[in-house]
């Protein structure tokens, strides 16, 4: 089962694993990445969370620590 993370938890987990918020160039698609390629641009945490909110998405974590961006109402 996955658990939805708060913004603070997302940042803490991302920092723990060396991940940064990125956006696909010229698109409204975000993700967390350790080594983004040239298709991505690093963005602020504020922009990252704004896109998630706009698209009704959230970051979830599994028991094993795997984070995934999914629909905000998956487990409601």
N, C-alpha and C. Protein backbone atom coordinates (compact mmCIF):
# COMPACT_ATOMS: atom_id res chain seq x y z
N UNK A 1 0.85 -1.19 0.00
CA UNK A 1 0.00 0.00 0.00
C UNK A 1 0.89 1.24 0.00
N UNK A 2 0.42 2.26 -0.64
CA UNK A 2 1.15 3.51 -0.74
C UNK A 2 0.54 4.53 0.23
N UNK A 3 1.40 5.43 0.71
CA UNK A 3 0.96 6.50 1.62
C UNK A 3 1.30 7.84 1.00
N UNK A 4 0.33 8.76 1.00
CA UNK A 4 0.55 10.10 0.45
C UNK A 4 1.48 10.88 1.36
N UNK A 5 2.45 11.56 0.75
CA UNK A 5 3.42 12.35 1.50
C UNK A 5 3.03 13.82 1.53
N UNK A 6 3.36 14.48 2.62
CA UNK A 6 3.20 15.93 2.71
C UNK A 6 4.35 16.57 1.93
N UNK A 7 4.23 17.86 1.67
CA UNK A 7 5.29 18.58 0.95
C UNK A 7 6.62 18.47 1.70
N UNK A 8 6.58 18.60 3.01
CA UNK A 8 7.82 18.49 3.79
C UNK A 8 8.43 17.10 3.70
N UNK A 9 7.58 16.08 3.70
CA UNK A 9 8.08 14.71 3.57
C UNK A 9 8.68 14.46 2.19
N UNK A 10 8.06 15.02 1.16
CA UNK A 10 8.60 14.88 -0.20
C UNK A 10 9.99 15.48 -0.27
N UNK A 11 10.12 16.70 0.24
CA UNK A 11 11.43 17.37 0.22
C UNK A 11 12.47 16.59 1.01
N UNK A 12 12.10 16.10 2.20
CA UNK A 12 13.05 15.35 3.04
C UNK A 12 13.49 14.07 2.35
N UNK A 13 12.56 13.34 1.75
CA UNK A 13 12.91 12.10 1.05
C UNK A 13 13.74 12.39 -0.19
N UNK A 14 13.39 13.44 -0.91
CA UNK A 14 14.17 13.81 -2.10
C UNK A 14 15.60 14.16 -1.71
N UNK A 15 15.74 14.93 -0.65
CA UNK A 15 17.08 15.31 -0.19
C UNK A 15 17.88 14.07 0.23
N UNK A 16 17.22 13.16 0.92
CA UNK A 16 17.86 11.93 1.39
C UNK A 16 18.46 11.14 0.22
N UNK A 17 17.77 11.13 -0.92
CA UNK A 17 18.22 10.35 -2.07
C UNK A 17 18.86 11.19 -3.18
N UNK A 18 19.08 12.47 -2.92
CA UNK A 18 19.73 13.33 -3.91
C UNK A 18 18.87 13.67 -5.10
N UNK A 19 17.55 13.72 -4.91
CA UNK A 19 16.63 14.02 -6.00
C UNK A 19 16.27 15.50 -6.02
N UNK A 20 16.00 16.00 -7.24
CA UNK A 20 15.61 17.40 -7.41
C UNK A 20 14.34 17.46 -8.25
N UNK A 21 13.53 18.51 -8.05
CA UNK A 21 12.32 18.65 -8.87
C UNK A 21 12.70 19.14 -10.27
N UNK A 22 12.16 18.49 -11.29
CA UNK A 22 12.43 18.87 -12.68
C UNK A 22 11.13 18.87 -13.47
N UNK A 23 11.18 19.57 -14.61
CA UNK A 23 10.05 19.63 -15.53
C UNK A 23 10.56 19.28 -16.92
N UNK A 24 9.75 18.55 -17.68
CA UNK A 24 10.09 18.28 -19.06
C UNK A 24 10.02 19.60 -19.81
N UNK A 25 11.07 19.92 -20.57
CA UNK A 25 11.11 21.20 -21.31
C UNK A 25 9.87 21.34 -22.19
N UNK A 26 9.30 22.55 -22.15
CA UNK A 26 8.14 22.93 -22.97
C UNK A 26 6.89 22.10 -22.66
N UNK A 27 6.84 21.46 -21.51
CA UNK A 27 5.67 20.67 -21.12
C UNK A 27 5.36 20.92 -19.66
N UNK A 28 4.19 20.55 -19.26
CA UNK A 28 3.75 20.71 -17.88
C UNK A 28 3.81 19.36 -17.16
N UNK A 29 4.95 18.67 -17.30
CA UNK A 29 5.15 17.36 -16.71
C UNK A 29 6.33 17.46 -15.75
N UNK A 30 6.11 17.07 -14.49
CA UNK A 30 7.17 17.16 -13.49
C UNK A 30 7.52 15.78 -12.95
N UNK A 31 8.72 15.71 -12.39
CA UNK A 31 9.16 14.49 -11.73
C UNK A 31 10.33 14.83 -10.82
N UNK A 32 10.77 13.84 -10.06
CA UNK A 32 11.95 13.98 -9.22
C UNK A 32 13.07 13.21 -9.89
N UNK A 33 14.24 13.83 -10.00
CA UNK A 33 15.33 13.20 -10.73
C UNK A 33 16.67 13.45 -10.06
N UNK A 34 17.53 12.45 -10.13
CA UNK A 34 18.89 12.59 -9.59
C UNK A 34 19.80 13.22 -10.63
N UNK A 35 19.71 12.74 -11.86
CA UNK A 35 20.55 13.24 -12.95
C UNK A 35 19.69 13.52 -14.17
N UNK A 36 18.99 14.67 -14.16
CA UNK A 36 18.10 14.96 -15.30
C UNK A 36 18.90 15.15 -16.58
N UNK A 37 18.38 14.61 -17.64
CA UNK A 37 19.02 14.77 -18.95
C UNK A 37 18.68 16.12 -19.55
N UNK A 38 19.05 16.30 -20.80
CA UNK A 38 18.85 17.60 -21.44
C UNK A 38 17.39 17.86 -21.79
N UNK A 39 16.51 16.86 -21.67
CA UNK A 39 15.08 17.06 -21.92
C UNK A 39 14.40 17.74 -20.73
N UNK A 40 15.12 17.89 -19.62
CA UNK A 40 14.53 18.41 -18.39
C UNK A 40 15.18 19.73 -17.97
N UNK A 41 14.42 20.50 -17.19
CA UNK A 41 14.93 21.72 -16.60
C UNK A 41 14.62 21.66 -15.10
N UNK A 42 15.59 22.01 -14.28
CA UNK A 42 15.36 22.01 -12.84
C UNK A 42 14.42 23.16 -12.49
N UNK A 43 13.48 22.90 -11.58
CA UNK A 43 12.49 23.90 -11.17
C UNK A 43 12.50 24.05 -9.66
N UNK A 44 11.81 25.06 -9.18
CA UNK A 44 11.70 25.26 -7.72
C UNK A 44 10.69 24.27 -7.15
N UNK A 45 10.79 24.08 -5.84
CA UNK A 45 9.81 23.23 -5.17
C UNK A 45 8.41 23.83 -5.30
N UNK A 46 8.33 25.15 -5.26
CA UNK A 46 7.02 25.80 -5.38
C UNK A 46 6.36 25.46 -6.72
N UNK A 47 7.14 25.56 -7.81
CA UNK A 47 6.60 25.22 -9.13
C UNK A 47 6.22 23.74 -9.19
N UNK A 48 7.04 22.88 -8.63
CA UNK A 48 6.77 21.44 -8.60
C UNK A 48 5.41 21.17 -7.95
N UNK A 49 5.20 21.74 -6.76
CA UNK A 49 3.95 21.49 -6.04
C UNK A 49 2.75 22.19 -6.69
N UNK A 50 2.97 23.32 -7.35
CA UNK A 50 1.89 23.98 -8.09
C UNK A 50 1.39 23.10 -9.23
N UNK A 51 2.32 22.49 -9.97
CA UNK A 51 1.94 21.60 -11.07
C UNK A 51 1.19 20.40 -10.53
N UNK A 52 1.67 19.81 -9.44
CA UNK A 52 0.98 18.66 -8.85
C UNK A 52 -0.45 19.04 -8.47
N UNK A 53 -0.61 20.18 -7.81
CA UNK A 53 -1.94 20.61 -7.38
C UNK A 53 -2.85 20.86 -8.58
N UNK A 54 -2.33 21.55 -9.59
CA UNK A 54 -3.10 21.86 -10.80
C UNK A 54 -3.59 20.61 -11.49
N UNK A 55 -2.76 19.56 -11.48
CA UNK A 55 -3.10 18.32 -12.17
C UNK A 55 -3.73 17.28 -11.25
N UNK A 56 -4.00 17.67 -10.01
CA UNK A 56 -4.60 16.77 -9.01
C UNK A 56 -3.74 15.52 -8.81
N UNK A 57 -2.44 15.77 -8.62
CA UNK A 57 -1.47 14.70 -8.38
C UNK A 57 -0.85 14.87 -7.00
N UNK A 58 -0.25 13.80 -6.51
CA UNK A 58 0.45 13.83 -5.23
C UNK A 58 1.59 12.82 -5.29
N UNK A 59 2.54 12.97 -4.37
CA UNK A 59 3.65 12.02 -4.27
C UNK A 59 3.30 11.02 -3.17
N UNK A 60 3.40 9.74 -3.52
CA UNK A 60 3.13 8.65 -2.60
C UNK A 60 4.41 7.88 -2.37
N UNK A 61 4.47 7.16 -1.24
CA UNK A 61 5.64 6.33 -0.93
C UNK A 61 5.17 4.94 -0.53
N UNK A 62 5.91 3.94 -0.96
CA UNK A 62 5.61 2.55 -0.60
C UNK A 62 6.32 2.20 0.70
N UNK A 63 6.00 1.07 1.25
CA UNK A 63 6.67 0.60 2.47
C UNK A 63 8.17 0.46 2.26
N UNK A 64 8.57 0.16 1.03
CA UNK A 64 9.98 -0.02 0.72
C UNK A 64 10.71 1.29 0.43
N UNK A 65 9.99 2.41 0.44
CA UNK A 65 10.62 3.71 0.23
C UNK A 65 10.58 4.22 -1.19
N UNK A 66 9.89 3.51 -2.09
CA UNK A 66 9.78 3.94 -3.48
C UNK A 66 8.74 5.05 -3.58
N UNK A 67 9.12 6.20 -4.16
CA UNK A 67 8.20 7.32 -4.33
C UNK A 67 7.65 7.33 -5.75
N UNK A 68 6.36 7.68 -5.86
CA UNK A 68 5.70 7.71 -7.16
C UNK A 68 4.69 8.85 -7.18
N UNK A 69 4.61 9.55 -8.31
CA UNK A 69 3.61 10.60 -8.49
C UNK A 69 2.37 9.94 -9.10
N UNK A 70 1.24 10.11 -8.39
CA UNK A 70 -0.02 9.49 -8.83
C UNK A 70 -1.18 10.45 -8.58
N UNK A 71 -2.34 10.05 -9.06
CA UNK A 71 -3.55 10.83 -8.84
C UNK A 71 -3.73 11.08 -7.34
N UNK A 72 -4.15 12.28 -6.99
CA UNK A 72 -4.28 12.69 -5.59
C UNK A 72 -5.35 11.93 -4.83
N UNK A 73 -6.27 11.28 -5.54
CA UNK A 73 -7.37 10.61 -4.85
C UNK A 73 -7.27 9.08 -4.93
N UNK A 74 -6.10 8.56 -5.21
CA UNK A 74 -5.93 7.12 -5.38
C UNK A 74 -6.36 6.36 -4.14
N UNK A 75 -5.97 6.83 -2.97
CA UNK A 75 -6.24 6.11 -1.73
C UNK A 75 -7.22 6.83 -0.82
N UNK A 76 -8.03 7.73 -1.35
CA UNK A 76 -9.04 8.42 -0.54
C UNK A 76 -10.30 7.60 -0.44
